[in-house]
Amino acid sequence: MSASAEELDVLALNSGSSSLKFGLFRAGPARAKLLVGGEVETIGGKDGKFRAGDACGNVLINETACFSGQTEALDRIVGFLVQSKMPIPAAIGHRIVHGGPKLRNHCLIDEQVLRLLEAASAFAPLHIPPALSVIRHAQALFPHRPHAACFDTAFHKDMPDVARILPISKELESEGVQRYGFHGLSCESIVRQMADDLPERLIIAHLGNGASVTAVDRGKSIDTSMGLTPTGGVMMGTRSGDLDPGVLVYLARERHFDAGMLEDLVDNRSGLRGVSGLASDMRILRQASTSNADARFAIRMFCYSVRKQIAAMTSALGGVDLIAFTGGIGENDAEVRAEICDGLSWVGVGLDGPRNRSAKNPVSGSASRCRVLVLPSQEDEQIARHSRALLQ
């Protein structure tokens, strides 16, 4: 089936530090239809997995294999598309977590953009290097197709100064040290799904291995929990979230931690994994929580951290009309949603137990003054939409 003149087949690539998601979309002016999609997980590990399915949820492939890096994962994805006789994409869109201070709008990728991305690696060393490796390999595989960079920071670029500027020496702001905010493609997808039902005051809780809470005023981000890097804000799977800066000063002065050791601590050995001493995966912690006190406490801390940020964003908005839960945990863990919302009754939040357990919207109760929804994060579809728009 070939695309019409107004439609483009776009391959969306969403690279993480140890994963690579993909979706092949037929993107038109009104919608982007998924043809096939999937994910390579645990890249660099011994138990890597490759899963793919069609738009109806039918599993097309589910295999275990070892993937040494992002380029090998991309080769497997492209091989699958060829074997499945999928159309050759007219464009390839890439999710970029951080573009630094000079890349704040979605754009087509050229050599200058690549140089600016390399310079921005210091802002997100976990995410940008693997994304760059995917871009370069994708350009080699599809040398005559346009490639687009879609930035997670773009949704937040017009935050008011009171939220964007950090309370440090003013001269550092000119060097790009400011609040950027992340999960922007996810937030965009929530706003798009709300369409004409978009409330004036919306809070988006994107909860997964990375987690953030964003205040949205009439469709625009006005504040968000993550800051200069994707490490700040709420407690996450392996990331600490916000810390007293004095903790890092103490570790540098008294324990002789260098920059690499501090980075490893706050990015890889903190959050759910650090507190539980067990795992970063909420599913594993949930199973262990019946007998493991540290696992229970890590879950409790996570919910407490998210609840505090929702309260802060409620203050930024002057109230809240709707809370949208998204991301792997936000969409799938009813107990986390319940524990977070149990502490928000003072702003009129109340869940309907059975509806919450089945994720049947709205999950809020009939007496709740604030609606609560569970919505899928559709980052890959947003990448396809932006990529098509950039080529028009």
Protein backbone atom coordinates (compact mmCIF):
# COMPACT_ATOMS: atom_id res chain seq x y z
CA MET A 1 0.00 0.00 0.00
CA SER A 2 1.58 3.28 -1.06
CA ALA A 3 1.10 6.60 0.68
CA SER A 4 -0.96 9.36 -0.91
CA ALA A 5 0.57 12.70 -1.92
CA GLU A 6 -0.35 14.19 1.45
CA GLU A 7 0.94 11.23 3.44
CA LEU A 8 4.49 10.24 4.25
CA ASP A 9 5.81 6.97 5.63
CA VAL A 10 7.96 8.04 8.58
CA LEU A 11 10.22 5.82 10.68
CA ALA A 12 10.30 7.18 14.25
CA LEU A 13 13.35 6.18 16.32
CA ASN A 14 13.29 6.73 20.08
CA SER A 15 16.65 5.87 21.62
CA GLY A 16 17.33 5.46 25.32
CA SER A 17 20.52 4.66 27.16
CA SER A 18 19.89 0.91 26.79
CA SER A 19 16.85 0.68 24.52
CA LEU A 20 15.67 1.62 21.04
CA LYS A 21 11.96 2.00 20.29
CA PHE A 22 10.67 2.34 16.75
CA GLY A 23 7.44 2.95 14.91
CA LEU A 24 6.72 3.09 11.18
CA PHE A 25 3.86 5.53 10.64
CA ARG A 26 1.82 6.69 7.69
CA ALA A 27 1.62 10.36 8.62
CA GLY A 28 -0.98 12.61 7.05
CA PRO A 29 -2.28 16.11 7.79
CA ALA A 30 -4.88 14.87 10.29
CA ARG A 31 -3.43 11.69 11.78
CA ALA A 32 -0.43 9.38 11.93
CA LYS A 33 -1.36 5.73 11.49
CA LEU A 34 0.95 3.09 12.96
CA LEU A 35 1.94 0.34 10.54
CA VAL A 36 4.35 -1.57 12.80
CA GLY A 37 6.27 -0.74 15.95
CA GLY A 38 8.33 -2.27 18.70
CA GLU A 39 11.43 -2.06 20.86
CA VAL A 40 14.88 -3.49 21.42
CA GLU A 41 15.55 -3.70 25.17
CA THR A 42 18.60 -4.29 27.38
CA ILE A 43 21.10 -3.19 24.74
CA GLY A 44 24.58 -4.07 25.95
CA GLY A 45 23.28 -6.80 28.25
CA LYS A 46 23.20 -10.57 27.93
CA ASP A 47 19.41 -10.87 27.85
CA GLY A 48 18.42 -8.39 25.16
CA LYS A 49 14.95 -8.60 23.67
CA PHE A 50 13.36 -7.55 20.40
CA ARG A 51 9.61 -7.24 20.18
CA ALA A 52 7.44 -5.91 17.37
CA GLY A 53 3.76 -5.80 16.58
CA ASP A 54 1.20 -4.25 14.29
CA ALA A 55 -1.38 -1.54 14.90
CA CYS A 56 -3.94 -4.12 16.12
CA GLY A 57 -1.64 -5.39 18.85
CA ASN A 58 -0.73 -8.62 17.07
CA VAL A 59 2.75 -9.83 18.01
CA LEU A 60 4.90 -10.16 14.90
CA ILE A 61 8.17 -11.05 16.57
CA ASN A 62 9.36 -11.68 20.12
CA GLU A 63 12.94 -12.87 20.38
CA THR A 64 15.83 -12.88 22.82
CA ALA A 65 19.23 -11.87 21.49
CA CYS A 66 22.37 -10.02 22.49
CA PHE A 67 22.71 -6.50 21.08
CA SER A 68 26.13 -4.97 21.67
CA GLY A 69 25.05 -1.42 20.85
CA GLN A 70 22.48 0.90 19.32
CA THR A 71 23.74 0.35 15.76
CA GLU A 72 23.28 -3.41 16.01
CA ALA A 73 19.77 -2.84 17.40
CA LEU A 74 18.94 -0.53 14.49
CA ASP A 75 20.25 -3.11 12.00
CA ARG A 76 17.83 -5.67 13.49
CA ILE A 77 14.92 -3.24 13.28
CA VAL A 78 15.62 -2.35 9.64
CA GLY A 79 16.10 -6.04 8.81
CA PHE A 80 12.70 -6.76 10.31
CA LEU A 81 11.08 -3.98 8.25
CA VAL A 82 12.63 -5.34 5.06
CA GLN A 83 11.60 -8.93 5.86
CA SER A 84 8.06 -7.73 6.60
CA LYS A 85 7.95 -5.95 3.20
CA MET A 86 7.21 -2.62 4.84
CA PRO A 87 7.50 0.51 2.68
CA ILE A 88 10.83 2.32 2.65
CA PRO A 89 10.36 5.39 4.88
CA ALA A 90 10.30 8.78 3.21
CA ALA A 91 11.80 10.33 6.35
CA ILE A 92 13.36 9.26 9.62
CA GLY A 93 12.53 11.11 12.84
CA HIS A 94 14.69 10.92 15.95
CA ARG A 95 13.77 11.68 19.54
CA ILE A 96 16.46 13.87 21.11
CA VAL A 97 16.27 14.34 24.87
CA HIS A 98 18.36 17.53 25.05
CA GLY A 99 19.47 19.93 22.36
CA GLY A 100 21.24 22.32 24.68
CA PRO A 101 20.66 26.09 24.57
CA LYS A 102 20.93 26.42 20.77
CA LEU A 103 18.53 23.70 19.64
CA ARG A 104 15.08 24.37 21.11
CA ASN A 105 12.87 23.73 18.04
CA HIS A 106 12.31 20.53 16.07
CA CYS A 107 14.44 20.67 12.90
CA LEU A 108 15.90 18.75 9.99
CA ILE A 109 19.34 17.33 10.70
CA ASP A 110 22.41 18.64 8.88
CA GLU A 111 26.07 18.82 9.79
CA GLN A 112 25.62 21.96 11.87
CA VAL A 113 22.84 20.33 13.88
CA LEU A 114 25.06 17.30 14.50
CA ARG A 115 27.86 19.55 15.76
CA LEU A 116 25.48 21.33 18.12
CA LEU A 117 24.19 17.98 19.40
CA GLU A 118 27.73 16.83 20.10
CA ALA A 119 28.28 20.05 22.09
CA ALA A 120 25.04 19.40 24.01
CA SER A 121 26.18 15.95 25.15
CA ALA A 122 27.40 17.44 28.43
CA PHE A 123 23.79 18.25 29.36
CA ALA A 124 22.55 14.64 28.95
CA PRO A 125 25.52 12.24 28.77
CA LEU A 126 23.26 9.21 29.29
CA HIS A 127 21.03 10.04 26.33
CA ILE A 128 22.75 12.15 23.64
CA PRO A 129 25.71 9.87 22.74
CA PRO A 130 23.47 6.85 22.00
CA ALA A 131 21.05 9.10 20.10
CA LEU A 132 23.93 10.44 17.99
CA SER A 133 25.09 6.92 17.23
CA VAL A 134 21.56 6.04 16.06
CA ILE A 135 21.35 9.17 13.88
CA ARG A 136 24.69 8.53 12.18
CA HIS A 137 23.91 4.87 11.52
CA ALA A 138 20.41 5.69 10.28
CA GLN A 139 21.92 8.25 7.89
CA ALA A 140 24.20 5.52 6.57
CA LEU A 141 21.28 3.12 6.14
CA PHE A 142 18.99 5.79 4.59
CA PRO A 143 21.47 8.21 2.97
CA HIS A 144 19.01 9.81 0.58
CA ARG A 145 16.20 10.40 3.07
CA PRO A 146 15.74 13.48 5.30
CA HIS A 147 16.29 12.99 9.02
CA ALA A 148 14.53 15.10 11.66
CA ALA A 149 15.49 15.90 15.26
CA CYS A 150 12.51 16.12 17.63
CA PHE A 151 13.44 17.59 21.01
CA ASP A 152 11.95 16.76 24.39
CA THR A 153 12.88 20.29 25.50
CA ALA A 154 10.87 22.05 22.76
CA PHE A 155 7.53 21.85 24.59
CA HIS A 156 9.00 23.78 27.53
CA LYS A 157 10.99 26.44 25.64
CA ASP A 158 8.54 29.25 26.39
CA MET A 159 8.25 28.68 30.15
CA PRO A 160 8.08 31.97 32.06
CA ASP A 161 11.39 33.27 33.40
CA VAL A 162 10.34 32.71 37.00
CA ALA A 163 10.30 28.97 36.29
CA ARG A 164 13.06 28.82 33.68
CA ILE A 165 15.83 30.76 35.42
CA LEU A 166 17.70 28.95 38.19
CA PRO A 167 18.57 30.72 41.47
CA ILE A 168 22.31 30.86 40.81
CA SER A 169 24.80 33.44 39.48
CA LYS A 170 23.20 35.27 36.57
CA GLU A 171 26.27 34.93 34.35
CA LEU A 172 25.75 31.16 34.17
CA GLU A 173 22.38 31.59 32.46
CA SER A 174 24.11 32.91 29.34
CA GLU A 175 26.06 29.64 29.20
CA GLY A 176 22.83 27.66 29.03
CA VAL A 177 22.53 26.78 32.71
CA GLN A 178 18.74 27.01 33.12
CA ARG A 179 15.65 24.84 33.48
CA TYR A 180 14.89 23.05 30.22
CA GLY A 181 12.31 20.43 31.13
CA PHE A 182 11.94 17.05 29.45
CA HIS A 183 9.34 14.45 28.37
CA GLY A 184 8.10 17.19 26.06
CA LEU A 185 7.04 14.83 23.27
CA SER A 186 5.02 12.84 25.79
CA CYS A 187 3.39 16.03 27.10
CA GLU A 188 2.60 17.14 23.55
CA SER A 189 0.90 13.82 22.92
CA ILE A 190 -1.27 14.19 26.02
CA VAL A 191 -2.32 17.71 25.01
CA ARG A 192 -3.12 16.46 21.48
CA GLN A 193 -5.20 13.54 22.81
CA MET A 194 -7.24 15.93 24.95
CA ALA A 195 -8.07 17.98 21.83
CA ASP A 196 -11.24 20.03 22.41
CA ASP A 197 -11.52 18.62 25.93
CA LEU A 198 -8.25 20.25 27.02
CA PRO A 199 -8.75 21.88 30.43
CA GLU A 200 -7.32 25.25 31.40
CA ARG A 201 -5.20 23.79 34.21
CA LEU A 202 -3.63 20.41 33.45
CA ILE A 203 -0.95 18.47 35.31
CA ILE A 204 0.85 15.69 33.43
CA ALA A 205 2.58 13.03 35.54
CA HIS A 206 4.88 11.09 33.22
CA LEU A 207 5.98 8.21 35.43
CA GLY A 208 8.42 5.60 34.19
CA ASN A 209 12.08 4.81 34.70
CA GLY A 210 12.42 8.53 34.07
CA ALA A 211 9.68 10.59 35.72
CA SER A 212 8.51 14.19 35.63
CA VAL A 213 5.52 16.33 36.52
CA THR A 214 4.52 19.26 34.29
CA ALA A 215 2.09 22.15 34.79
CA VAL A 216 0.22 23.01 31.57
CA ASP A 217 -1.79 26.23 31.35
CA ARG A 218 -4.15 26.24 28.34
CA GLY A 219 -1.87 23.90 26.42
CA LYS A 220 1.42 25.61 27.32
CA SER A 221 4.07 24.39 29.76
CA ILE A 222 4.56 26.90 32.56
CA ASP A 223 6.69 24.78 34.91
CA THR A 224 8.08 21.27 35.16
CA SER A 225 9.98 19.21 37.71
CA MET A 226 13.10 18.40 35.67
CA GLY A 227 15.69 21.13 35.34
CA LEU A 228 19.02 21.54 33.55
CA THR A 229 19.25 17.78 33.02
CA PRO A 230 16.87 14.79 33.12
CA THR A 231 18.29 13.91 36.55
CA GLY A 232 16.34 16.54 38.53
CA GLY A 233 12.82 16.59 39.90
CA VAL A 234 11.05 13.55 41.31
CA MET A 235 12.73 10.34 42.42
CA MET A 236 13.12 7.94 39.46
CA GLY A 237 14.22 4.40 38.65
CA THR A 238 17.96 4.98 39.05
CA ARG A 239 18.08 8.79 39.19
CA SER A 240 17.97 10.73 42.43
CA GLY A 241 15.73 13.61 41.42
CA ASP A 242 16.27 16.81 43.39
CA LEU A 243 18.97 16.76 46.06
CA ASP A 244 20.33 19.32 48.46
CA PRO A 245 23.37 20.60 46.49
CA GLY A 246 25.28 20.37 49.74
CA VAL A 247 25.12 16.56 49.47
CA LEU A 248 27.29 16.71 46.35
CA VAL A 249 29.65 19.26 47.92
CA TYR A 250 29.99 17.02 50.97
CA LEU A 251 30.76 13.95 48.84
CA ALA A 252 33.33 15.89 46.80
CA ARG A 253 35.03 17.38 49.85
CA GLU A 254 34.83 14.57 52.40
CA ARG A 255 34.63 11.44 50.23
CA HIS A 256 36.71 12.76 47.31
CA PHE A 257 34.06 12.01 44.70
CA ASP A 258 35.04 13.38 41.28
CA ALA A 259 32.55 14.43 38.57
CA GLY A 260 32.31 10.92 37.13
CA MET A 261 31.60 9.38 40.53
CA LEU A 262 28.94 11.99 41.32
CA GLU A 263 27.32 11.46 37.93
CA ASP A 264 27.28 7.68 38.43
CA LEU A 265 25.72 8.13 41.88
CA VAL A 266 22.87 10.45 40.88
CA ASP A 267 22.14 8.82 37.50
CA ASN A 268 22.74 5.10 38.06
CA ARG A 269 22.79 4.25 41.77
CA SER A 270 19.98 6.34 43.24
CA GLY A 271 16.20 6.49 43.03
CA LEU A 272 14.23 3.26 43.41
CA ARG A 273 17.34 1.15 42.91
CA GLY A 274 19.40 3.08 45.46
CA VAL A 275 16.74 3.13 48.17
CA SER A 276 15.57 -0.47 47.72
CA GLY A 277 19.02 -1.93 47.11
CA LEU A 278 17.16 -4.29 44.80
CA ALA A 279 15.93 -2.95 41.47
CA SER A 280 14.83 0.10 39.50
CA ASP A 281 11.83 -1.69 37.97
CA MET A 282 8.60 -0.93 39.80
CA ARG A 283 7.19 -4.32 38.80
CA ILE A 284 10.03 -6.15 40.54
CA LEU A 285 9.69 -3.96 43.62
CA ARG A 286 5.94 -4.53 43.71
CA GLN A 287 6.45 -8.32 43.70
CA ALA A 288 9.11 -8.08 46.41
CA SER A 289 7.20 -5.61 48.59
CA THR A 290 5.19 -8.27 50.42
CA SER A 291 8.34 -9.47 52.18
CA ASN A 292 10.94 -6.76 51.57
CA ALA A 293 10.66 -3.62 53.72
CA ASP A 294 13.18 -1.69 51.61
CA ALA A 295 11.15 -2.36 48.45
CA ARG A 296 7.99 -1.11 50.19
CA PHE A 297 9.78 2.00 51.41
CA ALA A 298 11.19 2.79 47.94
CA ILE A 299 7.67 2.67 46.46
CA ARG A 300 6.37 4.85 49.28
CA MET A 301 9.15 7.40 48.69
CA PHE A 302 8.44 7.48 44.96
CA CYS A 303 4.74 8.17 45.47
CA TYR A 304 5.50 10.81 48.10
CA SER A 305 7.95 12.55 45.75
CA VAL A 306 5.43 12.63 42.88
CA ARG A 307 2.63 13.80 45.19
CA LYS A 308 4.76 16.75 46.39
CA GLN A 309 5.50 17.80 42.81
CA ILE A 310 1.82 17.60 41.84
CA ALA A 311 1.05 19.87 44.79
CA ALA A 312 3.77 22.29 43.67
CA MET A 313 2.42 22.37 40.11
CA THR A 314 -1.09 22.90 41.47
CA SER A 315 0.24 26.01 43.19
CA ALA A 316 1.93 27.18 39.96
CA LEU A 317 -1.37 26.82 38.09
CA GLY A 318 -3.52 28.31 40.86
CA GLY A 319 -5.50 25.06 41.04
CA VAL A 320 -5.93 21.99 38.87
CA ASP A 321 -8.76 20.78 36.65
CA LEU A 322 -7.27 17.50 35.44
CA ILE A 323 -4.35 15.20 36.25
CA ALA A 324 -3.15 12.88 33.47
CA PHE A 325 -1.03 9.86 34.36
CA THR A 326 1.18 8.49 31.58
CA GLY A 327 4.42 6.54 31.10
CA GLY A 328 5.09 2.90 31.99
CA ILE A 329 4.28 3.27 35.70
CA GLY A 330 1.63 5.95 35.28
CA GLU A 331 -0.32 3.88 32.77
CA ASN A 332 0.06 0.44 34.35
CA ASP A 333 0.39 0.69 38.14
CA ALA A 334 -2.99 1.34 39.71
CA GLU A 335 -1.57 1.11 43.24
CA VAL A 336 0.93 3.91 42.55
CA ARG A 337 -1.84 6.11 41.15
CA ALA A 338 -3.99 5.40 44.21
CA GLU A 339 -1.22 6.13 46.71
CA ILE A 340 -0.34 9.39 44.98
CA CYS A 341 -3.94 10.56 44.76
CA ASP A 342 -4.83 9.50 48.32
CA GLY A 343 -2.75 12.42 49.54
CA LEU A 344 -4.38 14.94 47.20
CA SER A 345 -7.91 14.98 48.58
CA TRP A 346 -7.29 18.55 49.78
CA VAL A 347 -7.33 19.71 46.13
CA GLY A 348 -10.47 17.70 45.42
CA VAL A 349 -8.85 14.59 43.94
CA GLY A 350 -10.63 11.30 44.53
CA LEU A 351 -10.33 8.04 42.59
CA ASP A 352 -12.94 5.46 41.75
CA GLY A 353 -11.30 2.22 42.96
CA PRO A 354 -12.64 -0.24 40.35
CA ARG A 355 -12.18 2.21 37.47
CA ASN A 356 -8.63 2.98 38.60
CA ARG A 357 -7.75 -0.72 38.82
CA SER A 358 -9.00 -1.28 35.26
CA ALA A 359 -7.63 2.08 34.00
CA LYS A 360 -11.08 2.90 32.63
CA ASN A 361 -11.31 6.66 32.12
CA PRO A 362 -12.07 8.73 33.98
CA VAL A 363 -10.42 6.97 36.92
CA SER A 364 -11.58 9.77 39.22
CA GLY A 365 -14.72 9.29 41.30
CA SER A 366 -18.00 11.06 40.69
CA ALA A 367 -17.45 13.36 43.69
CA SER A 368 -13.91 14.35 42.63
CA ARG A 369 -13.58 18.04 41.83
CA CYS A 370 -10.53 17.25 39.67
CA ARG A 371 -10.72 14.75 36.83
CA VAL A 372 -8.03 12.08 36.66
CA LEU A 373 -7.24 10.23 33.42
CA VAL A 374 -4.80 7.52 32.34
CA LEU A 375 -3.51 8.26 28.84
CA PRO A 376 -0.85 6.57 26.71
CA SER A 377 2.39 8.38 26.01
CA GLN A 378 2.55 8.62 22.21
CA GLU A 379 6.04 10.00 21.74
CA ASP A 380 6.73 8.04 18.55
CA GLU A 381 3.57 9.32 16.89
CA GLN A 382 4.59 12.87 17.78
CA ILE A 383 7.98 12.26 16.15
CA ALA A 384 6.21 11.11 12.98
CA ARG A 385 3.92 14.14 13.00
CA HIS A 386 6.77 16.62 13.47
CA SER A 387 8.94 14.92 10.85
CA ARG A 388 6.16 15.15 8.27
CA ALA A 389 5.48 18.79 9.16
CA LEU A 390 9.15 19.71 8.74
CA LEU A 391 9.09 18.38 5.18
CA GLN A 392 6.00 20.30 4.06
